[in-house]
Amino acid sequence: MPTRIFLANPDIDVNIPSYIEEALDYIKNKREYQITWSAGQVKSIKVEDKAYLKKTGQGKRGFIAVGEVIEAKDAQRLNQLPEYPKYSKYSDAYTQHFFGNCPTVLIRLDEVVSLDSPLEDSHLLKLSSMQGVNLVRYGSGQELGFQYEAALDAEWKKYFKKVNKLY
């Protein structure tokens, strides 16, 4: 399954800090945290795609969470709206909730760090394994590119382990 980058810009959505704090609390207390997130204009997101949340906007930019796109409940699936046949071919990950004019998908977040402590783009761009990656995203839900997936996963694992030792 592809790795998707979902954008988290607290300058646009002022609720993002509270979502991240809530996710940190849930995960710390061994509870599952699910959230709907904008898929931008991407129509090809599938259940089981890997999901990274990337902080954009002011301040440090970088990755703040990783998880998986999961199946929306039957009654909440976008593809279950008979009055909107244009959505019938969307996967079961898409929900009937919209962010602006963009559909959302359901994501289970498994690992989260503070908004103030992202795995920074500047660090990743220095790695030979990440040369050529496009970390400047112009829409949520885009694919990372298979050639960068293993490198991002490895850097995230190291970073997440290091950050968790600090708390």
C-alpha atoms as a PDB file:
ATOM      1  CA  MET A   1       0.000   0.000   0.000  1.00  0.00           C
ATOM      2  CA  PRO A   2       1.259   3.500  -0.747  1.00  0.00           C
ATOM      3  CA  THR A   3       2.365   6.021   1.837  1.00  0.00           C
ATOM      4  CA  ARG A   4       0.182   9.132   1.884  1.00  0.00           C
ATOM      5  CA  ILE A   5       1.087  12.580   3.180  1.00  0.00           C
ATOM      6  CA  PHE A   6      -1.776  14.424   4.862  1.00  0.00           C
ATOM      7  CA  LEU A   7      -1.193  18.099   5.559  1.00  0.00           C
ATOM      8  CA  ALA A   8      -1.717  19.601   9.013  1.00  0.00           C
ATOM      9  CA  ASN A   9      -1.580  23.376   8.946  1.00  0.00           C
ATOM     10  CA  PRO A  10      -2.627  24.935  12.276  1.00  0.00           C
ATOM     11  CA  ASP A  11      -2.683  28.345  10.567  1.00  0.00           C
ATOM     12  CA  ILE A  12      -5.641  27.113   8.474  1.00  0.00           C
ATOM     13  CA  ASP A  13      -7.320  24.735  10.933  1.00  0.00           C
ATOM     14  CA  VAL A  14      -7.013  26.131  14.453  1.00  0.00           C
ATOM     15  CA  ASN A  15      -8.276  22.813  15.889  1.00  0.00           C
ATOM     16  CA  ILE A  16      -5.133  20.904  14.890  1.00  0.00           C
ATOM     17  CA  PRO A  17      -3.257  21.572  18.166  1.00  0.00           C
ATOM     18  CA  SER A  18      -6.152  20.140  20.183  1.00  0.00           C
ATOM     19  CA  TYR A  19      -6.428  17.118  17.845  1.00  0.00           C
ATOM     20  CA  ILE A  20      -2.729  16.378  18.323  1.00  0.00           C
ATOM     21  CA  GLU A  21      -2.916  16.796  22.106  1.00  0.00           C
ATOM     22  CA  GLU A  22      -5.939  14.514  22.211  1.00  0.00           C
ATOM     23  CA  ALA A  23      -4.166  11.916  20.057  1.00  0.00           C
ATOM     24  CA  LEU A  24      -1.097  12.057  22.326  1.00  0.00           C
ATOM     25  CA  ASP A  25      -3.300  11.481  25.378  1.00  0.00           C
ATOM     26  CA  TYR A  26      -5.255   8.609  23.796  1.00  0.00           C
ATOM     27  CA  ILE A  27      -2.150   6.803  22.584  1.00  0.00           C
ATOM     28  CA  LYS A  28      -0.288   7.356  25.876  1.00  0.00           C
ATOM     29  CA  ASN A  29      -3.254   5.724  27.640  1.00  0.00           C
ATOM     30  CA  LYS A  30      -3.273   2.783  25.189  1.00  0.00           C
ATOM     31  CA  ARG A  31      -6.483   3.829  23.480  1.00  0.00           C
ATOM     32  CA  GLU A  32      -7.046   3.881  19.740  1.00  0.00           C
ATOM     33  CA  TYR A  33      -7.263   7.329  18.164  1.00  0.00           C
ATOM     34  CA  GLN A  34      -9.219   7.796  14.948  1.00  0.00           C
ATOM     35  CA  ILE A  35      -9.758  11.038  13.087  1.00  0.00           C
ATOM     36  CA  THR A  36     -11.174  12.185   9.772  1.00  0.00           C
ATOM     37  CA  TRP A  37      -8.659  14.133   7.712  1.00  0.00           C
ATOM     38  CA  SER A  38      -8.835  16.053   4.472  1.00  0.00           C
ATOM     39  CA  ALA A  39      -7.990  14.020   1.396  1.00  0.00           C
ATOM     40  CA  GLY A  40      -7.580  17.178  -0.653  1.00  0.00           C
ATOM     41  CA  GLN A  41      -8.555  16.483  -4.242  1.00  0.00           C
ATOM     42  CA  VAL A  42      -7.126  12.939  -4.147  1.00  0.00           C
ATOM     43  CA  LYS A  43      -9.668  10.280  -5.122  1.00  0.00           C
ATOM     44  CA  SER A  44      -7.434   7.192  -4.992  1.00  0.00           C
ATOM     45  CA  ILE A  45      -6.827   6.749  -1.239  1.00  0.00           C
ATOM     46  CA  LYS A  46      -7.514   3.203  -0.062  1.00  0.00           C
ATOM     47  CA  VAL A  47      -8.016   1.409   3.232  1.00  0.00           C
ATOM     48  CA  GLU A  48      -4.619   0.249   4.586  1.00  0.00           C
ATOM     49  CA  ASP A  49      -2.610   3.043   2.928  1.00  0.00           C
ATOM     50  CA  LYS A  50       0.039   4.282   5.346  1.00  0.00           C
ATOM     51  CA  ALA A  51      -0.735   7.795   6.587  1.00  0.00           C
ATOM     52  CA  TYR A  52       1.733  10.448   7.740  1.00  0.00           C
ATOM     53  CA  LEU A  53       0.550  13.803   9.066  1.00  0.00           C
ATOM     54  CA  LYS A  54       2.894  16.602   8.074  1.00  0.00           C
ATOM     55  CA  LYS A  55       2.864  19.945   9.882  1.00  0.00           C
ATOM     56  CA  THR A  56       2.993  22.863   7.484  1.00  0.00           C
ATOM     57  CA  GLY A  57       2.479  26.584   7.983  1.00  0.00           C
ATOM     58  CA  GLN A  58       4.442  28.766  10.407  1.00  0.00           C
ATOM     59  CA  GLY A  59       7.295  27.395  12.493  1.00  0.00           C
ATOM     60  CA  LYS A  60       8.990  24.026  12.136  1.00  0.00           C
ATOM     61  CA  ARG A  61       7.698  21.915   9.263  1.00  0.00           C
ATOM     62  CA  GLY A  62       7.783  18.170   9.304  1.00  0.00           C
ATOM     63  CA  PHE A  63       6.123  14.918  10.253  1.00  0.00           C
ATOM     64  CA  ILE A  64       4.095  14.725  13.459  1.00  0.00           C
ATOM     65  CA  ALA A  65       2.183  11.446  13.232  1.00  0.00           C
ATOM     66  CA  VAL A  66       1.964   8.114  11.478  1.00  0.00           C
ATOM     67  CA  GLY A  67      -0.899   5.693  11.177  1.00  0.00           C
ATOM     68  CA  GLU A  68      -3.106   3.941   8.685  1.00  0.00           C
ATOM     69  CA  VAL A  69      -6.114   4.811   6.571  1.00  0.00           C
ATOM     70  CA  ILE A  70      -8.993   2.702   7.873  1.00  0.00           C
ATOM     71  CA  GLU A  71     -12.472   1.776   6.754  1.00  0.00           C
ATOM     72  CA  ALA A  72     -15.259   4.198   7.581  1.00  0.00           C
ATOM     73  CA  LYS A  73     -18.386   2.745   9.148  1.00  0.00           C
ATOM     74  CA  ASP A  74     -21.082   1.775   6.621  1.00  0.00           C
ATOM     75  CA  ALA A  75     -23.435   4.628   7.463  1.00  0.00           C
ATOM     76  CA  GLN A  76     -20.609   7.185   7.251  1.00  0.00           C
ATOM     77  CA  ARG A  77     -19.080   6.125   3.914  1.00  0.00           C
ATOM     78  CA  LEU A  78     -19.103   8.659   1.142  1.00  0.00           C
ATOM     79  CA  ASN A  79     -19.690   5.938  -1.455  1.00  0.00           C
ATOM     80  CA  GLN A  80     -23.006   5.071   0.270  1.00  0.00           C
ATOM     81  CA  LEU A  81     -24.762   8.290  -0.760  1.00  0.00           C
ATOM     82  CA  PRO A  82     -27.178   7.283  -3.557  1.00  0.00           C
ATOM     83  CA  GLU A  83     -28.025  10.929  -4.254  1.00  0.00           C
ATOM     84  CA  TYR A  84     -24.349  11.531  -5.200  1.00  0.00           C
ATOM     85  CA  PRO A  85     -23.361   8.818  -7.677  1.00  0.00           C
ATOM     86  CA  LYS A  86     -20.110  10.645  -8.468  1.00  0.00           C
ATOM     87  CA  TYR A  87     -18.754   9.271  -5.169  1.00  0.00           C
ATOM     88  CA  SER A  88     -19.810   5.650  -5.738  1.00  0.00           C
ATOM     89  CA  LYS A  89     -16.344   4.572  -6.888  1.00  0.00           C
ATOM     90  CA  TYR A  90     -14.495   6.131  -3.925  1.00  0.00           C
ATOM     91  CA  SER A  91     -13.002   3.586  -1.527  1.00  0.00           C
ATOM     92  CA  ASP A  92     -14.517   2.673   1.839  1.00  0.00           C
ATOM     93  CA  ALA A  93     -11.964   4.964   3.527  1.00  0.00           C
ATOM     94  CA  TYR A  94     -13.782   8.154   2.477  1.00  0.00           C
ATOM     95  CA  THR A  95     -16.297   9.609   4.912  1.00  0.00           C
ATOM     96  CA  GLN A  96     -19.364  11.772   4.389  1.00  0.00           C
ATOM     97  CA  HIS A  97     -17.643  14.580   6.270  1.00  0.00           C
ATOM     98  CA  PHE A  98     -16.032  17.329   4.182  1.00  0.00           C
ATOM     99  CA  PHE A  99     -13.321  19.846   5.061  1.00  0.00           C
ATOM    100  CA  GLY A 100     -14.231  22.804   2.914  1.00  0.00           C
ATOM    101  CA  ASN A 101     -14.982  21.252  -0.452  1.00  0.00           C
ATOM    102  CA  CYS A 102     -12.599  18.321   0.105  1.00  0.00           C
ATOM    103  CA  PRO A 103     -13.697  14.842   1.139  1.00  0.00           C
ATOM    104  CA  THR A 104     -12.073  13.281   4.181  1.00  0.00           C
ATOM    105  CA  VAL A 105     -10.775   9.824   4.995  1.00  0.00           C
ATOM    106  CA  LEU A 106     -10.692   8.006   8.311  1.00  0.00           C
ATOM    107  CA  ILE A 107      -7.210   7.569   9.801  1.00  0.00           C
ATOM    108  CA  ARG A 108      -6.075   5.652  12.871  1.00  0.00           C
ATOM    109  CA  LEU A 109      -3.049   7.420  14.343  1.00  0.00           C
ATOM    110  CA  ASP A 110      -0.543   5.040  15.950  1.00  0.00           C
ATOM    111  CA  GLU A 111       2.394   7.307  16.824  1.00  0.00           C
ATOM    112  CA  VAL A 112       2.265  11.051  17.439  1.00  0.00           C
ATOM    113  CA  VAL A 113       4.717  13.737  18.525  1.00  0.00           C
ATOM    114  CA  SER A 114       4.095  17.312  19.612  1.00  0.00           C
ATOM    115  CA  LEU A 115       3.398  19.959  16.980  1.00  0.00           C
ATOM    116  CA  ASP A 116       6.475  21.759  18.322  1.00  0.00           C
ATOM    117  CA  SER A 117       8.715  18.733  17.713  1.00  0.00           C
ATOM    118  CA  PRO A 118       8.173  17.431  14.175  1.00  0.00           C
ATOM    119  CA  LEU A 119      10.606  15.227  12.306  1.00  0.00           C
ATOM    120  CA  GLU A 120      11.783  18.209  10.320  1.00  0.00           C
ATOM    121  CA  ASP A 121      11.904  18.452   6.548  1.00  0.00           C
ATOM    122  CA  SER A 122      15.332  20.095   6.813  1.00  0.00           C
ATOM    123  CA  HIS A 123      16.741  16.938   8.431  1.00  0.00           C
ATOM    124  CA  LEU A 124      15.157  14.594   5.882  1.00  0.00           C
ATOM    125  CA  LEU A 125      16.345  16.608   2.891  1.00  0.00           C
ATOM    126  CA  LYS A 126      19.973  16.165   4.008  1.00  0.00           C
ATOM    127  CA  LEU A 127      19.738  12.366   3.733  1.00  0.00           C
ATOM    128  CA  SER A 128      21.050  10.717   0.586  1.00  0.00           C
ATOM    129  CA  SER A 129      18.099   8.304   0.673  1.00  0.00           C
ATOM    130  CA  MET A 130      15.680  11.242   0.430  1.00  0.00           C
ATOM    131  CA  GLN A 131      17.378  13.094  -2.443  1.00  0.00           C
ATOM    132  CA  GLY A 132      14.768  14.205  -4.957  1.00  0.00           C
ATOM    133  CA  VAL A 133      11.789  13.862  -2.616  1.00  0.00           C
ATOM    134  CA  ASN A 134       9.110  16.536  -2.837  1.00  0.00           C
ATOM    135  CA  LEU A 135       8.281  17.572   0.717  1.00  0.00           C
ATOM    136  CA  VAL A 136       6.522  20.747  -0.409  1.00  0.00           C
ATOM    137  CA  ARG A 137       2.994  19.443  -0.849  1.00  0.00           C
ATOM    138  CA  TYR A 138       0.225  21.346  -2.565  1.00  0.00           C
ATOM    139  CA  GLY A 139      -2.616  19.220  -1.320  1.00  0.00           C
ATOM    140  CA  SER A 140      -3.377  16.636   1.295  1.00  0.00           C
ATOM    141  CA  GLY A 141      -3.477  12.906   0.621  1.00  0.00           C
ATOM    142  CA  GLN A 142      -0.811  12.725  -2.073  1.00  0.00           C
ATOM    143  CA  GLU A 143       1.512   9.739  -2.389  1.00  0.00           C
ATOM    144  CA  LEU A 144       5.032  10.094  -1.053  1.00  0.00           C
ATOM    145  CA  GLY A 145       6.663   7.959  -3.746  1.00  0.00           C
ATOM    146  CA  PHE A 146       7.600   4.326  -3.168  1.00  0.00           C
ATOM    147  CA  GLN A 147      11.337   5.031  -3.468  1.00  0.00           C
ATOM    148  CA  TYR A 148      11.221   7.171  -0.289  1.00  0.00           C
ATOM    149  CA  GLU A 149       8.911   5.082   1.885  1.00  0.00           C
ATOM    150  CA  ALA A 150      11.532   2.891   3.599  1.00  0.00           C
ATOM    151  CA  ALA A 151      13.803   5.865   4.311  1.00  0.00           C
ATOM    152  CA  LEU A 152      10.979   7.925   5.843  1.00  0.00           C
ATOM    153  CA  ASP A 153       9.801   4.955   7.918  1.00  0.00           C
ATOM    154  CA  ALA A 154      13.326   4.329   9.229  1.00  0.00           C
ATOM    155  CA  GLU A 155      13.894   7.996  10.107  1.00  0.00           C
ATOM    156  CA  TRP A 156      10.496   8.222  11.779  1.00  0.00           C
ATOM    157  CA  LYS A 157      11.209   5.126  13.909  1.00  0.00           C
ATOM    158  CA  LYS A 158      14.548   6.555  15.082  1.00  0.00           C
ATOM    159  CA  TYR A 159      13.043   9.981  15.720  1.00  0.00           C
ATOM    160  CA  PHE A 160       9.953   8.697  17.518  1.00  0.00           C
ATOM    161  CA  LYS A 161      12.075   6.512  19.799  1.00  0.00           C
ATOM    162  CA  LYS A 162      14.361   9.467  20.615  1.00  0.00           C
ATOM    163  CA  VAL A 163      11.460  11.870  21.284  1.00  0.00           C
ATOM    164  CA  ASN A 164       9.685   9.374  23.541  1.00  0.00           C
ATOM    165  CA  LYS A 165      12.802   9.087  25.717  1.00  0.00           C
ATOM    166  CA  LEU A 166      12.589  12.840  26.328  1.00  0.00           C
ATOM    167  CA  TYR A 167       9.082  12.651  27.832  1.00  0.00           C
END
